[in-house]
Amino acid sequence: MTQLPTGFAAHVANIGIKDDTDDFVVIAAERLAAAAGVFTKSRFVGPSVTISREHVASGTARAIVVVSKNANVANGPTGEADARELVAGVAERLGCQPDDVLIASTGVIGRPYPMDRVRAGIEAMAAPSAATSADAVADGIMTTDTVRKVATSAIDGSDAVVVGIAKGVGMIEPDMATMIAVVLTDAHVARDELDEVFRRGGDRTFNCVSIDTDPQTSDTAVVLASGAAGPVDTSALERALHAVCLDLTKQIARDGEGAQTLIEVAVTGARDDEQAKRVAKTIVNSPL
């Protein structure tokens, strides 16, 4: 069983959005953690993306809450208000400020949150939680995924690790789409460095996958660093982050809706990485 890095714990529950499996996940750090995030490039986004963009801009976060099977998209001002109420409720249970909490939501579009169930789920949330299973977290964020997606890598020269969980099987292109990834590390790293290495890693992994050429509204990939294992070499951290993101990317592509084959396109001789990516995407997205 894969465990969360030191300094993190999780609350995983069913609050009635799904019929019989977990659908509500909160991952929380013991204290404010360095944080960074990348999101969909679609101009039409859900409140989860809007709120998380606002909150992660500070470079720190205490927690992320993930709602599975309901994207809370295209619900107008009510959807925005519901998402902010959810974030505020989780923050209150954790004893932090609402802008210290990130949110991701995935699933059916155009369906409001069942707020009576959401409020009851927040009220029943144990805070602080002692659960540390990354596998349980990965199960709790699945929608039409057929398998959980977890990846881990040690950071060379330290006791720190990187652990990532993700969901996503359809509407993947371009730049992540219906994908959620949460990457956690107990390395101590400056927020600016974390943002830089995570963006580089995401651009070479999550942003290179394509399943069905359809974009979406809620894609979110965030990283939190608790600092509990002490400082690490930045290059070693970047290698570990890249390994985890690449592993999750391949798991997402392999589990694509209707997919029977995982295809990897390698490009050599390109002018730069951007040209190489355009060539690869042209090939992989061609119906021929």
C-alpha atoms as a PDB file:
ATOM      1  CA  MET A   1       0.000   0.000   0.000  1.00  0.00           C
ATOM      2  CA  THR A   2       1.362   3.403  -0.989  1.00  0.00           C
ATOM      3  CA  GLN A   3       1.424   5.966   1.811  1.00  0.00           C
ATOM      4  CA  LEU A   4       1.217   9.746   1.579  1.00  0.00           C
ATOM      5  CA  PRO A   5       4.491  11.613   2.232  1.00  0.00           C
ATOM      6  CA  THR A   6       5.280  12.728   5.769  1.00  0.00           C
ATOM      7  CA  GLY A   7       3.258  15.729   6.859  1.00  0.00           C
ATOM      8  CA  PHE A   8       0.070  14.829   4.958  1.00  0.00           C
ATOM      9  CA  ALA A   9      -3.132  13.029   5.918  1.00  0.00           C
ATOM     10  CA  ALA A  10      -6.415  12.440   4.125  1.00  0.00           C
ATOM     11  CA  HIS A  11     -10.135  12.174   4.716  1.00  0.00           C
ATOM     12  CA  VAL A  12     -11.926   9.892   2.224  1.00  0.00           C
ATOM     13  CA  ALA A  13     -15.669   9.283   2.339  1.00  0.00           C
ATOM     14  CA  ASN A  14     -18.880   8.706   0.436  1.00  0.00           C
ATOM     15  CA  ILE A  15     -21.275  11.647   0.795  1.00  0.00           C
ATOM     16  CA  GLY A  16     -23.881  10.374  -1.663  1.00  0.00           C
ATOM     17  CA  ILE A  17     -22.741  11.826  -4.992  1.00  0.00           C
ATOM     18  CA  LYS A  18     -21.798   8.341  -6.138  1.00  0.00           C
ATOM     19  CA  ASP A  19     -24.101   5.480  -5.255  1.00  0.00           C
ATOM     20  CA  ASP A  20     -21.741   3.160  -3.419  1.00  0.00           C
ATOM     21  CA  THR A  21     -18.118   4.295  -3.684  1.00  0.00           C
ATOM     22  CA  ASP A  22     -16.110   7.118  -2.135  1.00  0.00           C
ATOM     23  CA  ASP A  23     -16.621  10.513  -3.763  1.00  0.00           C
ATOM     24  CA  PHE A  24     -15.245  13.089  -1.294  1.00  0.00           C
ATOM     25  CA  VAL A  25     -11.541  13.487  -0.568  1.00  0.00           C
ATOM     26  CA  VAL A  26      -9.636  16.029   1.498  1.00  0.00           C
ATOM     27  CA  ILE A  27      -5.826  15.923   1.545  1.00  0.00           C
ATOM     28  CA  ALA A  28      -4.381  18.195   4.215  1.00  0.00           C
ATOM     29  CA  ALA A  29      -0.900  19.176   5.308  1.00  0.00           C
ATOM     30  CA  GLU A  30      -0.081  19.515   8.996  1.00  0.00           C
ATOM     31  CA  ARG A  31       0.744  23.158   8.357  1.00  0.00           C
ATOM     32  CA  LEU A  32       0.804  25.586   5.441  1.00  0.00           C
ATOM     33  CA  ALA A  33       2.711  24.001   2.544  1.00  0.00           C
ATOM     34  CA  ALA A  34       4.427  25.355  -0.549  1.00  0.00           C
ATOM     35  CA  ALA A  35       2.062  24.865  -3.484  1.00  0.00           C
ATOM     36  CA  ALA A  36       1.807  25.278  -7.244  1.00  0.00           C
ATOM     37  CA  GLY A  37      -0.745  24.366  -9.873  1.00  0.00           C
ATOM     38  CA  VAL A  38      -1.487  24.193 -13.573  1.00  0.00           C
ATOM     39  CA  PHE A  39      -4.970  24.182 -15.031  1.00  0.00           C
ATOM     40  CA  THR A  40      -6.981  23.824 -18.209  1.00  0.00           C
ATOM     41  CA  LYS A  41      -6.326  26.351 -20.971  1.00  0.00           C
ATOM     42  CA  SER A  42      -9.986  26.322 -21.943  1.00  0.00           C
ATOM     43  CA  ARG A  43     -11.699  29.711 -21.646  1.00  0.00           C
ATOM     44  CA  PHE A  44     -14.811  27.955 -20.322  1.00  0.00           C
ATOM     45  CA  VAL A  45     -13.918  26.640 -16.880  1.00  0.00           C
ATOM     46  CA  GLY A  46     -15.661  25.417 -13.782  1.00  0.00           C
ATOM     47  CA  PRO A  47     -15.632  27.170 -10.391  1.00  0.00           C
ATOM     48  CA  SER A  48     -13.087  24.671  -9.073  1.00  0.00           C
ATOM     49  CA  VAL A  49     -10.515  25.985 -11.549  1.00  0.00           C
ATOM     50  CA  THR A  50     -11.391  29.639 -10.902  1.00  0.00           C
ATOM     51  CA  ILE A  51     -11.114  29.236  -7.131  1.00  0.00           C
ATOM     52  CA  SER A  52      -7.947  27.132  -7.158  1.00  0.00           C
ATOM     53  CA  ARG A  53      -6.212  29.567  -9.506  1.00  0.00           C
ATOM     54  CA  GLU A  54      -7.002  32.347  -7.048  1.00  0.00           C
ATOM     55  CA  HIS A  55      -5.901  30.427  -3.968  1.00  0.00           C
ATOM     56  CA  VAL A  56      -2.695  28.858  -5.318  1.00  0.00           C
ATOM     57  CA  ALA A  57      -1.441  32.251  -6.531  1.00  0.00           C
ATOM     58  CA  SER A  58      -0.050  32.876  -3.029  1.00  0.00           C
ATOM     59  CA  GLY A  59       2.342  29.939  -3.468  1.00  0.00           C
ATOM     60  CA  THR A  60       1.021  28.160  -0.391  1.00  0.00           C
ATOM     61  CA  ALA A  61      -1.909  25.931   0.537  1.00  0.00           C
ATOM     62  CA  ARG A  62      -3.017  23.850   3.475  1.00  0.00           C
ATOM     63  CA  ALA A  63      -5.298  21.373   1.700  1.00  0.00           C
ATOM     64  CA  ILE A  64      -7.143  20.315  -1.428  1.00  0.00           C
ATOM     65  CA  VAL A  65     -10.676  18.936  -1.549  1.00  0.00           C
ATOM     66  CA  VAL A  66     -11.752  16.772  -4.482  1.00  0.00           C
ATOM     67  CA  VAL A  67     -15.359  16.006  -5.393  1.00  0.00           C
ATOM     68  CA  SER A  68     -15.790  13.053  -7.730  1.00  0.00           C
ATOM     69  CA  LYS A  69     -18.638  12.391 -10.190  1.00  0.00           C
ATOM     70  CA  ASN A  70     -19.916  15.981 -10.223  1.00  0.00           C
ATOM     71  CA  ALA A  71     -17.947  18.671 -12.075  1.00  0.00           C
ATOM     72  CA  ASN A  72     -20.189  21.540 -10.889  1.00  0.00           C
ATOM     73  CA  VAL A  73     -19.775  23.236 -14.275  1.00  0.00           C
ATOM     74  CA  ALA A  74     -22.299  25.404 -16.159  1.00  0.00           C
ATOM     75  CA  ASN A  75     -24.341  26.075 -13.033  1.00  0.00           C
ATOM     76  CA  GLY A  76     -23.921  29.861 -13.049  1.00  0.00           C
ATOM     77  CA  PRO A  77     -23.615  31.927  -9.861  1.00  0.00           C
ATOM     78  CA  THR A  78     -25.150  29.102  -7.824  1.00  0.00           C
ATOM     79  CA  GLY A  79     -22.344  26.745  -8.789  1.00  0.00           C
ATOM     80  CA  GLU A  80     -19.742  29.348  -7.862  1.00  0.00           C
ATOM     81  CA  ALA A  81     -21.393  29.981  -4.497  1.00  0.00           C
ATOM     82  CA  ASP A  82     -21.658  26.258  -3.753  1.00  0.00           C
ATOM     83  CA  ALA A  83     -17.983  25.675  -4.518  1.00  0.00           C
ATOM     84  CA  ARG A  84     -16.931  28.559  -2.282  1.00  0.00           C
ATOM     85  CA  GLU A  85     -19.182  27.287   0.509  1.00  0.00           C
ATOM     86  CA  LEU A  86     -17.564  23.860   0.208  1.00  0.00           C
ATOM     87  CA  VAL A  87     -14.066  25.341   0.418  1.00  0.00           C
ATOM     88  CA  ALA A  88     -15.021  27.518   3.393  1.00  0.00           C
ATOM     89  CA  GLY A  89     -16.557  24.548   5.189  1.00  0.00           C
ATOM     90  CA  VAL A  90     -13.454  22.406   4.759  1.00  0.00           C
ATOM     91  CA  ALA A  91     -11.263  25.317   5.890  1.00  0.00           C
ATOM     92  CA  GLU A  92     -13.316  25.723   9.044  1.00  0.00           C
ATOM     93  CA  ARG A  93     -12.928  22.023   9.886  1.00  0.00           C
ATOM     94  CA  LEU A  94      -9.161  22.271   9.352  1.00  0.00           C
ATOM     95  CA  GLY A  95      -8.831  25.529  11.263  1.00  0.00           C
ATOM     96  CA  CYS A  96      -7.386  27.499   8.364  1.00  0.00           C
ATOM     97  CA  GLN A  97      -8.485  30.258   6.006  1.00  0.00           C
ATOM     98  CA  PRO A  98     -10.656  29.495   2.940  1.00  0.00           C
ATOM     99  CA  ASP A  99      -7.941  30.769   0.610  1.00  0.00           C
ATOM    100  CA  ASP A 100      -5.619  28.095   2.022  1.00  0.00           C
ATOM    101  CA  VAL A 101      -7.839  25.379   0.486  1.00  0.00           C
ATOM    102  CA  LEU A 102      -7.754  24.315  -3.163  1.00  0.00           C
ATOM    103  CA  ILE A 103     -10.581  22.468  -4.895  1.00  0.00           C
ATOM    104  CA  ALA A 104     -10.923  20.079  -7.819  1.00  0.00           C
ATOM    105  CA  SER A 105     -14.171  18.675  -9.138  1.00  0.00           C
ATOM    106  CA  THR A 106     -14.824  16.180 -11.890  1.00  0.00           C
ATOM    107  CA  GLY A 107     -17.740  14.294 -13.382  1.00  0.00           C
ATOM    108  CA  VAL A 108     -21.118  15.233 -14.782  1.00  0.00           C
ATOM    109  CA  ILE A 109     -21.444  18.765 -16.205  1.00  0.00           C
ATOM    110  CA  GLY A 110     -24.554  20.875 -15.602  1.00  0.00           C
ATOM    111  CA  ARG A 111     -25.583  19.173 -12.383  1.00  0.00           C
ATOM    112  CA  PRO A 112     -25.425  21.244  -9.159  1.00  0.00           C
ATOM    113  CA  TYR A 113     -23.779  19.880  -6.061  1.00  0.00           C
ATOM    114  CA  PRO A 114     -26.265  18.186  -3.712  1.00  0.00           C
ATOM    115  CA  MET A 115     -25.456  20.743  -1.050  1.00  0.00           C
ATOM    116  CA  ASP A 116     -27.413  19.046   1.724  1.00  0.00           C
ATOM    117  CA  ARG A 117     -25.160  15.996   1.288  1.00  0.00           C
ATOM    118  CA  VAL A 118     -22.052  18.148   0.907  1.00  0.00           C
ATOM    119  CA  ARG A 119     -22.792  19.999   4.152  1.00  0.00           C
ATOM    120  CA  ALA A 120     -23.404  16.720   5.990  1.00  0.00           C
ATOM    121  CA  GLY A 121     -20.165  15.319   4.567  1.00  0.00           C
ATOM    122  CA  ILE A 122     -18.165  18.309   5.780  1.00  0.00           C
ATOM    123  CA  GLU A 123     -19.787  18.071   9.217  1.00  0.00           C
ATOM    124  CA  ALA A 124     -18.799  14.393   9.461  1.00  0.00           C
ATOM    125  CA  MET A 125     -15.222  15.094   8.405  1.00  0.00           C
ATOM    126  CA  ALA A 126     -12.632  14.111  10.983  1.00  0.00           C
ATOM    127  CA  ALA A 127     -10.139  16.893  11.556  1.00  0.00           C
ATOM    128  CA  PRO A 128      -7.331  16.322  11.869  1.00  0.00           C
ATOM    129  CA  SER A 129      -7.430  13.011  10.035  1.00  0.00           C
ATOM    130  CA  ALA A 130      -4.838  10.307  10.642  1.00  0.00           C
ATOM    131  CA  ALA A 131      -5.430   8.383   7.383  1.00  0.00           C
ATOM    132  CA  THR A 132      -2.358   8.232   5.143  1.00  0.00           C
ATOM    133  CA  SER A 133      -3.265   5.775   2.371  1.00  0.00           C
ATOM    134  CA  ALA A 134      -2.556   7.199  -1.088  1.00  0.00           C
ATOM    135  CA  ASP A 135      -4.432   4.222  -2.567  1.00  0.00           C
ATOM    136  CA  ALA A 136      -7.636   5.217  -0.768  1.00  0.00           C
ATOM    137  CA  VAL A 137      -7.250   8.786  -2.034  1.00  0.00           C
ATOM    138  CA  ALA A 138      -6.770   7.540  -5.605  1.00  0.00           C
ATOM    139  CA  ASP A 139      -9.881   5.360  -5.326  1.00  0.00           C
ATOM    140  CA  GLY A 140     -11.899   8.274  -3.987  1.00  0.00           C
ATOM    141  CA  ILE A 141     -11.253  10.564  -6.975  1.00  0.00           C
ATOM    142  CA  MET A 142     -12.052   7.993  -9.699  1.00  0.00           C
ATOM    143  CA  THR A 143     -14.983   8.549 -12.049  1.00  0.00           C
ATOM    144  CA  THR A 144     -15.020   6.273 -15.096  1.00  0.00           C
ATOM    145  CA  ASP A 145     -11.462   5.125 -14.400  1.00  0.00           C
ATOM    146  CA  THR A 146     -11.127   1.348 -14.342  1.00  0.00           C
ATOM    147  CA  VAL A 147      -8.047   1.351 -12.104  1.00  0.00           C
ATOM    148  CA  ARG A 148      -6.581   3.657  -9.466  1.00  0.00           C
ATOM    149  CA  LYS A 149      -3.605   5.736 -10.549  1.00  0.00           C
ATOM    150  CA  VAL A 150      -0.760   6.142  -8.058  1.00  0.00           C
ATOM    151  CA  ALA A 151       2.948   6.794  -8.633  1.00  0.00           C
ATOM    152  CA  THR A 152       5.886   7.334  -6.309  1.00  0.00           C
ATOM    153  CA  SER A 153       9.570   8.205  -6.535  1.00  0.00           C
ATOM    154  CA  ALA A 154      12.344   8.725  -3.996  1.00  0.00           C
ATOM    155  CA  ILE A 155      14.324  11.954  -4.168  1.00  0.00           C
ATOM    156  CA  ASP A 156      18.010  11.098  -4.555  1.00  0.00           C
ATOM    157  CA  GLY A 157      20.271  12.052  -1.680  1.00  0.00           C
ATOM    158  CA  SER A 158      17.471  12.536   0.847  1.00  0.00           C
ATOM    159  CA  ASP A 159      14.750  10.795   2.823  1.00  0.00           C
ATOM    160  CA  ALA A 160      12.074  12.738   0.938  1.00  0.00           C
ATOM    161  CA  VAL A 161       9.668  11.198  -1.566  1.00  0.00           C
ATOM    162  CA  VAL A 162       7.205  12.313  -4.212  1.00  0.00           C
ATOM    163  CA  VAL A 163       3.806  10.621  -4.373  1.00  0.00           C
ATOM    164  CA  GLY A 164       1.187  11.377  -7.007  1.00  0.00           C
ATOM    165  CA  ILE A 165      -2.412  10.329  -7.549  1.00  0.00           C
ATOM    166  CA  ALA A 166      -4.544  11.037 -10.607  1.00  0.00           C
ATOM    167  CA  LYS A 167      -7.797  10.347 -12.394  1.00  0.00           C
ATOM    168  CA  GLY A 168      -8.700  10.688 -16.031  1.00  0.00           C
ATOM    169  CA  VAL A 169      -9.743   8.448 -18.890  1.00  0.00           C
ATOM    170  CA  GLY A 170     -11.702  10.561 -21.370  1.00  0.00           C
ATOM    171  CA  MET A 171     -11.836  14.043 -22.901  1.00  0.00           C
ATOM    172  CA  ILE A 172      -8.047  14.323 -22.653  1.00  0.00           C
ATOM    173  CA  GLU A 173      -6.661  16.907 -25.146  1.00  0.00           C
ATOM    174  CA  PRO A 174      -5.296  19.451 -25.234  1.00  0.00           C
ATOM    175  CA  ASP A 175      -3.374  20.294 -22.093  1.00  0.00           C
ATOM    176  CA  MET A 176      -4.790  17.780 -19.618  1.00  0.00           C
ATOM    177  CA  ALA A 177      -8.603  18.231 -19.986  1.00  0.00           C
ATOM    178  CA  THR A 178     -10.739  15.984 -17.729  1.00  0.00           C
ATOM    179  CA  MET A 179      -7.805  15.127 -15.555  1.00  0.00           C
ATOM    180  CA  ILE A 180      -7.039  15.682 -11.906  1.00  0.00           C
ATOM    181  CA  ALA A 181      -3.598  15.088 -10.461  1.00  0.00           C
ATOM    182  CA  VAL A 182      -2.396  15.782  -6.944  1.00  0.00           C
ATOM    183  CA  VAL A 183       1.346  15.456  -6.379  1.00  0.00           C
ATOM    184  CA  LEU A 184       2.712  15.546  -2.835  1.00  0.00           C
ATOM    185  CA  THR A 185       6.216  15.692  -1.429  1.00  0.00           C
ATOM    186  CA  ASP A 186       7.715  16.036   2.024  1.00  0.00           C
ATOM    187  CA  ALA A 187      10.721  17.905   0.610  1.00  0.00           C
ATOM    188  CA  HIS A 188      11.367  21.418   1.813  1.00  0.00           C
ATOM    189  CA  VAL A 189      11.434  23.653  -1.248  1.00  0.00           C
ATOM    190  CA  ALA A 190      10.889  27.333  -1.910  1.00  0.00           C
ATOM    191  CA  ARG A 191       7.514  28.067  -3.472  1.00  0.00           C
ATOM    192  CA  ASP A 192       9.042  29.719  -6.554  1.00  0.00           C
ATOM    193  CA  GLU A 193      11.313  26.735  -7.221  1.00  0.00           C
ATOM    194  CA  LEU A 194       8.413  24.332  -6.741  1.00  0.00           C
ATOM    195  CA  ASP A 195       6.298  26.244  -9.248  1.00  0.00           C
ATOM    196  CA  GLU A 196       9.111  26.305 -11.790  1.00  0.00           C
ATOM    197  CA  VAL A 197      10.000  22.606 -11.669  1.00  0.00           C
ATOM    198  CA  PHE A 198       6.349  21.520 -11.575  1.00  0.00           C
ATOM    199  CA  ARG A 199       5.442  23.582 -14.622  1.00  0.00           C
ATOM    200  CA  ARG A 200       8.400  22.172 -16.548  1.00  0.00           C
ATOM    201  CA  GLY A 201       7.476  18.647 -15.524  1.00  0.00           C
ATOM    202  CA  GLY A 202       3.792  19.085 -16.359  1.00  0.00           C
ATOM    203  CA  ASP A 203       4.560  20.527 -19.764  1.00  0.00           C
ATOM    204  CA  ARG A 204       6.633  17.459 -20.661  1.00  0.00           C
ATOM    205  CA  THR A 205       4.147  14.925 -19.265  1.00  0.00           C
ATOM    206  CA  PHE A 206       0.503  15.850 -18.596  1.00  0.00           C
ATOM    207  CA  ASN A 207       0.430  18.329 -21.471  1.00  0.00           C
ATOM    208  CA  CYS A 208       1.713  15.725 -23.923  1.00  0.00           C
ATOM    209  CA  VAL A 209      -1.023  13.130 -23.499  1.00  0.00           C
ATOM    210  CA  SER A 210      -3.918  12.769 -25.928  1.00  0.00           C
ATOM    211  CA  ILE A 211      -6.785  10.279 -25.732  1.00  0.00           C
ATOM    212  CA  ASP A 212      -9.698  11.563 -27.805  1.00  0.00           C
ATOM    213  CA  THR A 213      -8.824  15.153 -28.912  1.00  0.00           C
ATOM    214  CA  ASP A 214     -11.610  16.664 -26.751  1.00  0.00           C
ATOM    215  CA  PRO A 215     -10.850  19.471 -24.247  1.00  0.00           C
ATOM    216  CA  GLN A 216     -12.656  19.936 -20.961  1.00  0.00           C
ATOM    217  CA  THR A 217     -13.400  22.492 -18.272  1.00  0.00           C
ATOM    218  CA  SER A 218     -12.013  21.268 -14.974  1.00  0.00           C
ATOM    219  CA  ASP A 219      -8.513  19.852 -15.454  1.00  0.00           C
ATOM    220  CA  THR A 220      -6.294  20.505 -12.476  1.00  0.00           C
ATOM    221  CA  ALA A 221      -2.800  19.423 -11.477  1.00  0.00           C
ATOM    222  CA  VAL A 222      -1.383  20.677  -8.199  1.00  0.00           C
ATOM    223  CA  VAL A 223       1.682  19.982  -6.093  1.00  0.00           C
ATOM    224  CA  LEU A 224       2.078  20.528  -2.346  1.00  0.00           C
ATOM    225  CA  ALA A 225       5.342  20.286  -0.405  1.00  0.00           C
ATOM    226  CA  SER A 226       5.079  19.804   3.362  1.00  0.00           C
ATOM    227  CA  GLY A 227       8.791  20.315   4.041  1.00  0.00           C
ATOM    228  CA  ALA A 228       8.716  17.627   6.745  1.00  0.00           C
ATOM    229  CA  ALA A 229      11.721  15.713   5.344  1.00  0.00           C
ATOM    230  CA  GLY A 230      13.966  18.743   5.054  1.00  0.00           C
ATOM    231  CA  PRO A 231      15.729  20.412   2.113  1.00  0.00           C
ATOM    232  CA  VAL A 232      16.658  18.520  -1.057  1.00  0.00           C
ATOM    233  CA  ASP A 233      18.694  19.120  -4.179  1.00  0.00           C
ATOM    234  CA  THR A 234      16.479  20.935  -6.683  1.00  0.00           C
ATOM    235  CA  SER A 235      17.676  18.827  -9.618  1.00  0.00           C
ATOM    236  CA  ALA A 236      16.911  15.635  -7.708  1.00  0.00           C
ATOM    237  CA  LEU A 237      13.454  16.963  -6.831  1.00  0.00           C
ATOM    238  CA  GLU A 238      12.778  17.802 -10.470  1.00  0.00           C
ATOM    239  CA  ARG A 239      13.814  14.316 -11.583  1.00  0.00           C
ATOM    240  CA  ALA A 240      11.496  12.716  -9.029  1.00  0.00           C
ATOM    241  CA  LEU A 241       8.595  15.020  -9.931  1.00  0.00           C
ATOM    242  CA  HIS A 242       9.086  14.262 -13.618  1.00  0.00           C
ATOM    243  CA  ALA A 243       9.179  10.514 -12.957  1.00  0.00           C
ATOM    244  CA  VAL A 244       5.908  10.637 -11.010  1.00  0.00           C
ATOM    245  CA  CYS A 245       4.147  12.877 -13.533  1.00  0.00           C
ATOM    246  CA  LEU A 246       5.312  10.716 -16.452  1.00  0.00           C
ATOM    247  CA  ASP A 247       4.156   7.546 -14.713  1.00  0.00           C
ATOM    248  CA  LEU A 248       0.717   9.068 -14.028  1.00  0.00           C
ATOM    249  CA  THR A 249       0.489  10.342 -17.621  1.00  0.00           C
ATOM    250  CA  LYS A 250       1.079   6.858 -19.017  1.00  0.00           C
ATOM    251  CA  GLN A 251      -1.435   5.365 -16.583  1.00  0.00           C
ATOM    252  CA  ILE A 252      -4.034   7.902 -17.735  1.00  0.00           C
ATOM    253  CA  ALA A 253      -3.409   7.176 -21.424  1.00  0.00           C
ATOM    254  CA  ARG A 254      -3.397   3.413 -20.881  1.00  0.00           C
ATOM    255  CA  ASP A 255      -6.786   3.611 -19.130  1.00  0.00           C
ATOM    256  CA  GLY A 256      -8.383   5.830 -21.803  1.00  0.00           C
ATOM    257  CA  GLU A 257     -12.029   5.121 -22.499  1.00  0.00           C
ATOM    258  CA  GLY A 258     -12.086   2.415 -25.150  1.00  0.00           C
ATOM    259  CA  ALA A 259      -8.287   2.318 -25.375  1.00  0.00           C
ATOM    260  CA  GLN A 260      -6.635  -0.991 -26.181  1.00  0.00           C
ATOM    261  CA  THR A 261      -3.134   0.242 -27.006  1.00  0.00           C
ATOM    262  CA  LEU A 262      -0.752   2.730 -25.423  1.00  0.00           C
ATOM    263  CA  ILE A 263       1.213   4.538 -28.147  1.00  0.00           C
ATOM    264  CA  GLU A 264       4.287   6.651 -27.457  1.00  0.00           C
ATOM    265  CA  VAL A 265       5.632   9.000 -30.142  1.00  0.00           C
ATOM    266  CA  ALA A 266       9.312   9.973 -29.927  1.00  0.00           C
ATOM    267  CA  VAL A 267      10.548  12.898 -32.034  1.00  0.00           C
ATOM    268  CA  THR A 268      14.205  13.571 -32.855  1.00  0.00           C
ATOM    269  CA  GLY A 269      15.809  16.348 -34.873  1.00  0.00           C
ATOM    270  CA  ALA A 270      13.250  19.005 -33.986  1.00  0.00           C
ATOM    271  CA  ARG A 271      14.244  22.659 -33.670  1.00  0.00           C
ATOM    272  CA  ASP A 272      13.000  22.792 -30.069  1.00  0.00           C
ATOM    273  CA  ASP A 273      10.640  21.069 -27.641  1.00  0.00           C
ATOM    274  CA  GLU A 274       7.622  23.019 -28.891  1.00  0.00           C
ATOM    275  CA  GLN A 275       8.149  21.927 -32.478  1.00  0.00           C
ATOM    276  CA  ALA A 276       8.693  18.334 -31.361  1.00  0.00           C
ATOM    277  CA  LYS A 277       5.418  18.409 -29.420  1.00  0.00           C
ATOM    278  CA  ARG A 278       3.482  19.791 -32.420  1.00  0.00           C
ATOM    279  CA  VAL A 279       4.859  17.024 -34.647  1.00  0.00           C
ATOM    280  CA  ALA A 280       4.049  14.308 -32.099  1.00  0.00           C
ATOM    281  CA  LYS A 281       0.525  15.610 -31.456  1.00  0.00           C
ATOM    282  CA  THR A 282      -0.171  15.798 -35.212  1.00  0.00           C
ATOM    283  CA  ILE A 283       0.765  12.148 -35.556  1.00  0.00           C
ATOM    284  CA  VAL A 284      -0.982  10.822 -32.468  1.00  0.00           C
ATOM    285  CA  ASN A 285      -4.222  12.757 -33.146  1.00  0.00           C
ATOM    286  CA  SER A 286      -4.499  11.788 -36.810  1.00  0.00           C
ATOM    287  CA  PRO A 287      -7.493   9.504 -37.527  1.00  0.00           C
ATOM    288  CA  LEU A 288      -5.322   7.809 -40.166  1.00  0.00           C
END
